[in-house]
Every structure is written in C-alpha cells, then in structure tokens.
Amino acid sequence: MTEARLAATRASEAAPGFIAPRRQLLALCANAGDMAGARKYLLQIKGLEPGFSLDRYLNDPEYPNLTLRKAGLIEPLRKFDLGA
C-alpha cells in the first residue's frame, strides 16, 4: 500500500484539481492508520467536489470509488470520526 499511496500523492500534486487520487488517498491513509492524512484529503475533496460527503463516499453505490469499495479499503473510515 505504500507504493499506491506514493503514486496517488504524486498524482494529486501533479494535478491539484484532479479528485480521483484524493479519493484513493482518503482510503489509503485510513488503512495505514493515518487519520490526520485521511482528514486532510477528506477536506480537499470537499473543497473540490460539490455535494461531497463522507456518508456518500461510504454508502452511495453510485459514488465513483467502486475499486476502493470492492477491495474493502473504505471500511476503516467507518470506525473513525474525521470531524467532517
């Protein structure tokens, strides 16, 4: 997961307006136990994506995070209060 996190970080830095790597980083940080990092990306997504919410990210089957959902990577986010 470290490599995935590094790749997503590079992508988010290279394309500041691109939301997809931040969606990945939100899940990857939570899986690594880095809840401060997860909160950082949660807030970035909120700033970039109108109508975004953690509830939607976790529960909306139409939200574009199917690969993360199928891999079980979003599950750790259910356990934590990210204050958002």
C-alpha atoms as a PDB file:
ATOM      1  CA  MET A   1       0.000   0.000   0.000  1.00  0.00           C
ATOM      2  CA  THR A   2       2.938   2.318   0.489  1.00  0.00           C
ATOM      3  CA  GLU A   3       3.611   2.339  -3.250  1.00  0.00           C
ATOM      4  CA  ALA A   4      -0.042   3.060  -4.004  1.00  0.00           C
ATOM      5  CA  ARG A   5      -0.028   5.902  -1.521  1.00  0.00           C
ATOM      6  CA  LEU A   6       3.137   7.388  -3.028  1.00  0.00           C
ATOM      7  CA  ALA A   7       1.733   7.130  -6.552  1.00  0.00           C
ATOM      8  CA  ALA A   8      -1.559   8.746  -5.533  1.00  0.00           C
ATOM      9  CA  THR A   9       0.330  11.502  -3.710  1.00  0.00           C
ATOM     10  CA  ARG A  10       2.398  12.229  -6.819  1.00  0.00           C
ATOM     11  CA  ALA A  11      -0.750  12.291  -8.947  1.00  0.00           C
ATOM     12  CA  SER A  12      -2.539  14.651  -6.566  1.00  0.00           C
ATOM     13  CA  GLU A  13       0.444  17.002  -6.537  1.00  0.00           C
ATOM     14  CA  ALA A  14       0.824  16.922 -10.317  1.00  0.00           C
ATOM     15  CA  ALA A  15      -2.867  17.648 -10.895  1.00  0.00           C
ATOM     16  CA  PRO A  16      -4.197  19.742  -7.991  1.00  0.00           C
ATOM     17  CA  GLY A  17      -7.746  19.813  -9.360  1.00  0.00           C
ATOM     18  CA  PHE A  18      -7.977  16.064 -10.023  1.00  0.00           C
ATOM     19  CA  ILE A  19     -10.192  14.420  -7.399  1.00  0.00           C
ATOM     20  CA  ALA A  20      -9.557  10.705  -8.088  1.00  0.00           C
ATOM     21  CA  PRO A  21      -6.151  10.450  -6.370  1.00  0.00           C
ATOM     22  CA  ARG A  22      -7.570  12.195  -3.320  1.00  0.00           C
ATOM     23  CA  ARG A  23     -10.364   9.609  -3.155  1.00  0.00           C
ATOM     24  CA  GLN A  24      -7.668   6.944  -3.126  1.00  0.00           C
ATOM     25  CA  LEU A  25      -5.560   8.773  -0.559  1.00  0.00           C
ATOM     26  CA  LEU A  26      -8.532   9.150   1.766  1.00  0.00           C
ATOM     27  CA  ALA A  27      -8.907   5.353   1.895  1.00  0.00           C
ATOM     28  CA  LEU A  28      -5.190   4.558   1.831  1.00  0.00           C
ATOM     29  CA  CYS A  29      -4.402   6.916   4.705  1.00  0.00           C
ATOM     30  CA  ALA A  30      -7.212   5.444   6.803  1.00  0.00           C
ATOM     31  CA  ASN A  31      -5.943   1.932   6.107  1.00  0.00           C
ATOM     32  CA  ALA A  32      -2.463   2.977   7.223  1.00  0.00           C
ATOM     33  CA  GLY A  33      -3.893   4.406  10.459  1.00  0.00           C
ATOM     34  CA  ASP A  34      -3.070   7.950   9.354  1.00  0.00           C
ATOM     35  CA  MET A  35      -6.342   9.601  10.277  1.00  0.00           C
ATOM     36  CA  ALA A  36      -4.824  13.094  10.096  1.00  0.00           C
ATOM     37  CA  GLY A  37      -3.894  12.365   6.485  1.00  0.00           C
ATOM     38  CA  ALA A  38      -7.351  10.939   5.797  1.00  0.00           C
ATOM     39  CA  ARG A  39      -8.962  14.092   7.221  1.00  0.00           C
ATOM     40  CA  LYS A  40      -6.675  16.262   5.079  1.00  0.00           C
ATOM     41  CA  TYR A  41      -7.832  14.523   1.896  1.00  0.00           C
ATOM     42  CA  LEU A  42     -11.444  14.481   3.034  1.00  0.00           C
ATOM     43  CA  LEU A  43     -11.330  18.268   3.362  1.00  0.00           C
ATOM     44  CA  GLN A  44      -9.578  18.630  -0.001  1.00  0.00           C
ATOM     45  CA  ILE A  45     -12.269  16.552  -1.706  1.00  0.00           C
ATOM     46  CA  LYS A  46     -14.980  18.651  -0.040  1.00  0.00           C
ATOM     47  CA  GLY A  47     -13.349  21.752  -1.493  1.00  0.00           C
ATOM     48  CA  LEU A  48     -13.133  20.298  -4.994  1.00  0.00           C
ATOM     49  CA  GLU A  49     -16.349  18.304  -5.308  1.00  0.00           C
ATOM     50  CA  PRO A  50     -19.731  19.983  -4.796  1.00  0.00           C
ATOM     51  CA  GLY A  51     -22.090  17.798  -2.795  1.00  0.00           C
ATOM     52  CA  PHE A  52     -19.371  15.546  -1.426  1.00  0.00           C
ATOM     53  CA  SER A  53     -19.870  13.958   1.980  1.00  0.00           C
ATOM     54  CA  LEU A  54     -18.220  11.126   3.845  1.00  0.00           C
ATOM     55  CA  ASP A  55     -21.604   9.412   4.015  1.00  0.00           C
ATOM     56  CA  ARG A  56     -21.841   9.489   0.234  1.00  0.00           C
ATOM     57  CA  TYR A  57     -18.274   8.200  -0.108  1.00  0.00           C
ATOM     58  CA  LEU A  58     -19.047   5.298   2.228  1.00  0.00           C
ATOM     59  CA  ASN A  59     -22.608   4.410   1.305  1.00  0.00           C
ATOM     60  CA  ASP A  60     -23.593   5.630  -2.159  1.00  0.00           C
ATOM     61  CA  PRO A  61     -23.172   2.751  -4.639  1.00  0.00           C
ATOM     62  CA  GLU A  62     -23.126   5.324  -7.453  1.00  0.00           C
ATOM     63  CA  TYR A  63     -20.179   7.216  -5.979  1.00  0.00           C
ATOM     64  CA  PRO A  64     -17.057   6.658  -8.142  1.00  0.00           C
ATOM     65  CA  ASN A  65     -14.977   4.620  -5.704  1.00  0.00           C
ATOM     66  CA  LEU A  66     -16.023   1.113  -6.754  1.00  0.00           C
ATOM     67  CA  THR A  67     -12.495  -0.314  -6.829  1.00  0.00           C
ATOM     68  CA  LEU A  68     -11.778   1.016  -3.332  1.00  0.00           C
ATOM     69  CA  ARG A  69     -15.137  -0.292  -2.104  1.00  0.00           C
ATOM     70  CA  LYS A  70     -14.670  -3.775  -3.604  1.00  0.00           C
ATOM     71  CA  ALA A  71     -11.179  -4.020  -2.112  1.00  0.00           C
ATOM     72  CA  GLY A  72     -12.567  -3.146   1.337  1.00  0.00           C
ATOM     73  CA  LEU A  73     -10.325  -0.098   1.546  1.00  0.00           C
ATOM     74  CA  ILE A  74     -13.057   2.306   2.629  1.00  0.00           C
ATOM     75  CA  GLU A  75     -14.156   0.211   5.610  1.00  0.00           C
ATOM     76  CA  PRO A  76     -11.672   1.666   8.139  1.00  0.00           C
ATOM     77  CA  LEU A  77     -13.291   5.067   7.590  1.00  0.00           C
ATOM     78  CA  ARG A  78     -16.495   3.774   9.180  1.00  0.00           C
ATOM     79  CA  LYS A  79     -14.703   3.377  12.511  1.00  0.00           C
ATOM     80  CA  PHE A  80     -13.377   6.901  12.885  1.00  0.00           C
ATOM     81  CA  ASP A  81     -14.818  10.329  13.429  1.00  0.00           C
ATOM     82  CA  LEU A  82     -12.999  12.518  10.938  1.00  0.00           C
ATOM     83  CA  GLY A  83     -14.868  15.565  12.106  1.00  0.00           C
ATOM     84  CA  ALA A  84     -16.399  16.184   8.732  1.00  0.00           C
END
